[in-house]
Amino acid sequence: MKICLPEKFDILYPKENKAYYANGNSRVLRKLLSLASDSYCMYCGTSLRIDGKDNFHLEHSVDKEGNYNQIGKNSMLRNCKFNFSASCARCNLIYKKRIEKIDFNKYELVEKCPEKCENICGTYQLMREDYCKINSIILQPTGYKKGGLSYRVRYNLLRHIYEADIDGKDEETIFFIEHHIMRFRLNGENFSESIVNICIEINDLFEKGITRISDLIEYEQEKRHENIIGKLFVQFLREKFLLKDVDELIEFCKLLVVLEAVV
């Protein structure tokens, strides 16, 4: 049994090209990224909403500073609307800092972007692909693909572990995804207890007399979960158990709690 994290986030970008990293223009992208991710970190899934307010870093997907201290050589990466993601402070300031930057000298840099554009340009696409490859990172918000295959991370419910969403012997792809998982410490300090907490809460509500599955699931759906994996888990429960007997849901939740304690 598995739940897949989002492989990418769909964003309706403005056509205009502006200095989106500065002044009031950043608010435009913040709103779009928050809407697309439902205010969850695009890398680790942590909620970015505190006391009803969004609190996240407008993070450069591809590092805006090239290798060899190439600061300021290409303002495109600094302001490109496609080069931003919504990130928690830890992912942005710690995990994404341990990274190999690209060498701007290898590319035909765009000296000045046109006033408007609707799609990622060839130069940025190439830089993005190279950045993903050398760092084995599923770069957000557009994710990473190779040969038509989307690289995804899944949560294994029975093992309570994040793993590569691929079945087979493609060791290169598995290494890539697992490296991404290790980079953002998804099975370490960034591991979320949201799923187990939901299971415990559903069982507690059941014991207090709430015995309709629809009521139990609706209660969890209306909550703001600490991690997007909790939101996805509630959707999973709705799809699998809404039309079943409530005892099946309760037994499943109890099983996951027990498994978390022994794995």
Protein backbone atom coordinates (compact mmCIF):
# COMPACT_ATOMS: atom_id res chain seq x y z
CA MET A 1 0.00 0.00 0.00
CA LYS A 2 1.42 3.35 -1.00
CA ILE A 3 0.71 7.07 -1.22
CA CYS A 4 2.64 9.14 -3.76
CA LEU A 5 3.82 12.65 -3.03
CA PRO A 6 3.03 15.21 -5.74
CA GLU A 7 5.43 14.76 -8.67
CA LYS A 8 4.89 18.37 -9.75
CA PHE A 9 2.69 21.39 -9.04
CA ASP A 10 0.53 22.99 -11.73
CA ILE A 11 0.86 26.77 -11.73
CA LEU A 12 -0.84 29.29 -14.02
CA TYR A 13 2.01 31.75 -14.43
CA PRO A 14 1.52 35.37 -15.54
CA LYS A 15 2.75 36.10 -19.07
CA GLU A 16 4.77 39.11 -17.96
CA ASN A 17 8.43 38.80 -17.01
CA LYS A 18 9.29 40.98 -14.05
CA ALA A 19 11.79 41.13 -11.21
CA TYR A 20 9.84 38.53 -9.25
CA TYR A 21 12.44 38.17 -6.52
CA ALA A 22 12.16 41.75 -5.36
CA ASN A 23 9.74 44.53 -4.51
CA GLY A 24 6.03 43.82 -4.65
CA ASN A 25 6.32 41.40 -7.56
CA SER A 26 7.25 38.54 -5.27
CA ARG A 27 3.76 38.61 -3.79
CA VAL A 28 2.36 37.49 -7.14
CA LEU A 29 4.43 34.31 -7.16
CA ARG A 30 3.92 33.67 -3.47
CA LYS A 31 0.17 33.59 -4.01
CA LEU A 32 0.45 31.26 -7.02
CA LEU A 33 2.87 28.87 -5.32
CA SER A 34 0.82 28.80 -2.13
CA LEU A 35 -2.32 27.99 -4.10
CA ALA A 36 -0.63 25.23 -6.11
CA SER A 37 0.92 23.52 -3.08
CA ASP A 38 -1.93 24.25 -0.64
CA SER A 39 0.78 25.93 1.44
CA TYR A 40 2.88 22.81 1.98
CA CYS A 41 6.63 22.70 1.38
CA MET A 42 7.21 21.40 -2.13
CA TYR A 43 10.15 19.28 -0.93
CA CYS A 44 9.35 17.78 2.47
CA GLY A 45 5.60 18.42 2.68
CA THR A 46 5.67 20.37 5.95
CA SER A 47 2.81 22.81 6.40
CA LEU A 48 3.82 26.38 5.62
CA ARG A 49 0.77 27.91 7.30
CA ILE A 50 1.08 29.15 10.86
CA ASP A 51 -1.88 30.71 12.69
CA GLY A 52 -3.72 30.94 9.41
CA LYS A 53 -0.92 32.82 7.65
CA ASP A 54 1.52 31.51 5.05
CA ASN A 55 5.13 31.58 6.17
CA PHE A 56 7.53 30.19 3.59
CA HIS A 57 10.67 30.92 1.61
CA LEU A 58 10.41 31.94 -2.02
CA GLU A 59 13.19 29.57 -3.00
CA HIS A 60 15.18 29.44 -6.24
CA SER A 61 14.78 25.99 -7.78
CA VAL A 62 18.08 26.21 -9.67
CA ASP A 63 20.58 28.08 -7.52
CA LYS A 64 20.70 31.69 -8.77
CA GLU A 65 24.46 31.81 -8.20
CA GLY A 66 26.55 29.67 -10.51
CA ASN A 67 29.67 27.73 -9.63
CA TYR A 68 33.05 29.45 -9.23
CA ASN A 69 31.39 32.42 -7.52
CA GLN A 70 29.55 33.52 -10.66
CA ILE A 71 27.32 35.86 -8.68
CA GLY A 72 25.37 38.33 -10.79
CA LYS A 73 26.45 36.83 -14.09
CA ASN A 74 22.95 35.75 -14.97
CA SER A 75 19.99 37.64 -13.53
CA MET A 76 17.64 35.28 -15.37
CA LEU A 77 17.83 32.66 -12.63
CA ARG A 78 17.32 35.32 -9.99
CA ASN A 79 14.04 36.60 -11.43
CA CYS A 80 12.72 33.88 -13.76
CA LYS A 81 9.15 33.15 -12.71
CA PHE A 82 9.61 29.45 -13.50
CA ASN A 83 12.61 29.23 -11.15
CA PHE A 84 10.79 29.56 -7.84
CA SER A 85 9.29 27.08 -5.43
CA ALA A 86 7.58 27.27 -2.04
CA SER A 87 9.90 25.87 0.60
CA CYS A 88 10.15 25.63 4.36
CA ALA A 89 13.17 27.32 5.93
CA ARG A 90 14.94 24.04 6.70
CA CYS A 91 14.76 22.70 3.15
CA ASN A 92 15.87 26.00 1.67
CA LEU A 93 18.61 27.00 4.11
CA ILE A 94 20.02 23.57 4.98
CA TYR A 95 19.20 20.69 2.65
CA LYS A 96 19.29 22.60 -0.63
CA LYS A 97 22.51 24.37 0.31
CA ARG A 98 24.44 21.08 0.24
CA ILE A 99 24.38 21.04 -3.52
CA GLU A 100 26.62 21.29 -6.57
CA LYS A 101 25.97 24.45 -8.54
CA ILE A 102 26.05 24.65 -12.31
CA ASP A 103 28.72 26.43 -14.34
CA PHE A 104 27.18 29.34 -16.23
CA ASN A 105 30.04 29.25 -18.76
CA LYS A 106 28.55 26.07 -20.27
CA TYR A 107 25.36 27.76 -21.44
CA GLU A 108 24.24 30.42 -23.85
CA LEU A 109 22.85 32.74 -21.24
CA VAL A 110 19.82 34.90 -21.84
CA GLU A 111 21.10 38.43 -21.34
CA LYS A 112 17.62 39.89 -21.08
CA CYS A 113 14.34 38.02 -21.03
CA PRO A 114 11.54 39.26 -23.31
CA GLU A 115 8.75 41.30 -21.78
CA LYS A 116 6.45 38.30 -21.95
CA CYS A 117 6.75 34.52 -22.21
CA GLU A 118 4.42 31.60 -21.59
CA ASN A 119 6.82 28.65 -21.56
CA ILE A 120 10.19 27.70 -20.12
CA CYS A 121 12.96 28.67 -22.54
CA GLY A 122 15.47 26.16 -23.88
CA THR A 123 18.38 27.61 -21.91
CA TYR A 124 16.62 27.39 -18.58
CA GLN A 125 15.32 23.90 -19.35
CA LEU A 126 18.85 22.67 -20.08
CA MET A 127 20.25 24.28 -16.92
CA ARG A 128 17.44 22.77 -14.89
CA GLU A 129 17.96 19.26 -16.27
CA ASP A 130 21.71 19.43 -15.63
CA TYR A 131 21.13 20.72 -12.10
CA CYS A 132 18.76 17.83 -11.38
CA LYS A 133 21.14 15.23 -12.78
CA ILE A 134 24.31 16.27 -11.00
CA ASN A 135 22.50 16.56 -7.67
CA SER A 136 19.96 13.71 -7.98
CA ILE A 137 17.13 16.00 -6.96
CA ILE A 138 13.47 16.06 -7.99
CA LEU A 139 13.38 19.79 -8.51
CA GLN A 140 10.12 21.60 -7.85
CA PRO A 141 7.66 22.85 -8.84
CA THR A 142 7.85 21.01 -12.19
CA GLY A 143 9.49 17.79 -10.96
CA TYR A 144 11.87 15.62 -12.96
CA LYS A 145 11.28 13.32 -15.91
CA LYS A 146 13.47 11.01 -17.93
CA GLY A 147 12.32 9.07 -20.96
CA GLY A 148 8.72 9.97 -20.21
CA LEU A 149 8.99 8.55 -16.69
CA SER A 150 8.18 10.89 -13.81
CA TYR A 151 10.43 10.46 -10.80
CA ARG A 152 8.23 10.18 -7.71
CA VAL A 153 8.51 9.50 -4.00
CA ARG A 154 5.98 7.23 -2.32
CA TYR A 155 5.10 6.52 1.29
CA ASN A 156 4.91 2.82 2.09
CA LEU A 157 2.07 2.50 4.62
CA LEU A 158 3.05 -0.95 5.83
CA ARG A 159 6.72 -0.12 6.33
CA HIS A 160 6.22 3.52 7.34
CA ILE A 161 9.01 4.67 5.08
CA TYR A 162 9.47 6.95 2.08
CA GLU A 163 10.86 5.11 -0.93
CA ALA A 164 11.30 5.33 -4.70
CA ASP A 165 8.02 4.93 -6.57
CA ILE A 166 9.34 2.44 -9.06
CA ASP A 167 8.99 -1.31 -9.33
CA GLY A 168 11.74 -3.14 -11.16
CA LYS A 169 15.51 -3.16 -11.45
CA ASP A 170 16.26 0.33 -12.74
CA GLU A 171 19.01 0.93 -10.19
CA GLU A 172 19.96 4.32 -11.62
CA THR A 173 16.44 5.69 -11.17
CA ILE A 174 16.08 4.16 -7.72
CA PHE A 175 19.39 5.71 -6.63
CA PHE A 176 18.29 9.11 -7.97
CA ILE A 177 15.01 9.10 -6.04
CA GLU A 178 16.53 7.64 -2.88
CA HIS A 179 19.22 10.33 -2.96
CA HIS A 180 16.44 12.93 -3.07
CA ILE A 181 14.78 11.24 -0.07
CA MET A 182 18.07 11.29 1.85
CA ARG A 183 18.80 14.91 0.91
CA PHE A 184 15.57 16.15 2.47
CA ARG A 185 15.77 13.69 5.39
CA LEU A 186 12.28 12.34 4.70
CA ASN A 187 13.09 9.21 6.69
CA GLY A 188 15.09 11.16 9.25
CA GLU A 189 14.48 14.41 11.10
CA ASN A 190 11.92 15.48 8.46
CA PHE A 191 9.86 12.32 8.83
CA SER A 192 6.19 13.10 9.47
CA GLU A 193 4.08 11.34 12.10
CA SER A 194 0.90 12.66 10.47
CA ILE A 195 -0.36 9.26 9.30
CA VAL A 196 0.03 7.56 12.68
CA ASN A 197 -1.49 10.57 14.46
CA ILE A 198 -4.52 10.44 12.16
CA CYS A 199 -4.96 6.72 12.84
CA ILE A 200 -4.80 7.27 16.60
CA GLU A 201 -7.27 10.14 16.40
CA ILE A 202 -9.76 8.17 14.29
CA ASN A 203 -9.64 5.34 16.81
CA ASP A 204 -10.16 7.77 19.71
CA LEU A 205 -13.14 9.38 17.96
CA PHE A 206 -14.63 5.94 17.31
CA GLU A 207 -14.30 4.99 20.96
CA LYS A 208 -16.04 8.25 21.91
CA GLY A 209 -19.07 7.26 19.87
CA ILE A 210 -18.50 8.60 16.35
CA THR A 211 -19.21 5.44 14.37
CA ARG A 212 -20.03 6.63 10.87
CA ILE A 213 -17.12 6.45 8.44
CA SER A 214 -18.28 9.58 6.62
CA ASP A 215 -18.18 11.55 9.87
CA LEU A 216 -14.72 10.26 10.82
CA ILE A 217 -13.25 11.06 7.42
CA GLU A 218 -15.01 14.42 7.16
CA TYR A 219 -13.55 15.42 10.52
CA GLU A 220 -10.02 14.66 9.27
CA GLN A 221 -10.61 16.36 5.92
CA GLU A 222 -11.59 19.61 7.57
CA LYS A 223 -8.39 19.69 9.61
CA ARG A 224 -5.15 21.33 8.56
CA HIS A 225 -2.55 18.56 8.78
CA GLU A 226 1.08 19.18 9.73
CA ASN A 227 2.32 17.53 6.54
CA ILE A 228 0.83 17.01 3.10
CA ILE A 229 1.19 13.25 3.59
CA GLY A 230 -1.59 13.54 6.18
CA LYS A 231 -3.89 15.24 3.69
CA LEU A 232 -3.11 12.58 1.07
CA PHE A 233 -3.67 9.79 3.60
CA VAL A 234 -7.17 11.07 4.41
CA GLN A 235 -7.94 11.08 0.68
CA PHE A 236 -6.65 7.50 0.55
CA LEU A 237 -8.94 6.48 3.42
CA ARG A 238 -11.92 8.06 1.71
CA GLU A 239 -11.28 6.18 -1.53
CA LYS A 240 -10.66 2.81 0.16
CA PHE A 241 -13.09 2.76 3.09
CA LEU A 242 -15.99 5.19 2.60
CA LEU A 243 -18.33 2.44 1.38
CA LYS A 244 -17.05 -0.24 3.74
CA ASP A 245 -17.92 -1.21 7.30
CA VAL A 246 -16.48 1.10 9.93
CA ASP A 247 -14.83 -1.86 11.70
CA GLU A 248 -12.60 -2.34 8.66
CA LEU A 249 -11.38 1.25 8.89
CA ILE A 250 -10.71 0.96 12.61
CA GLU A 251 -8.81 -2.31 12.24
CA PHE A 252 -6.73 -0.80 9.43
CA CYS A 253 -5.85 2.23 11.53
CA LYS A 254 -4.92 0.03 14.48
CA LEU A 255 -2.72 -2.08 12.20
CA LEU A 256 -0.78 0.95 10.97
CA VAL A 257 -0.17 2.14 14.54
CA VAL A 258 1.16 -1.30 15.52
CA LEU A 259 3.37 -1.52 12.44
CA GLU A 260 4.85 1.91 13.13
CA ALA A 261 5.91 0.67 16.55
CA VAL A 262 7.69 -2.42 15.24
CA VAL A 263 9.30 -1.33 11.96
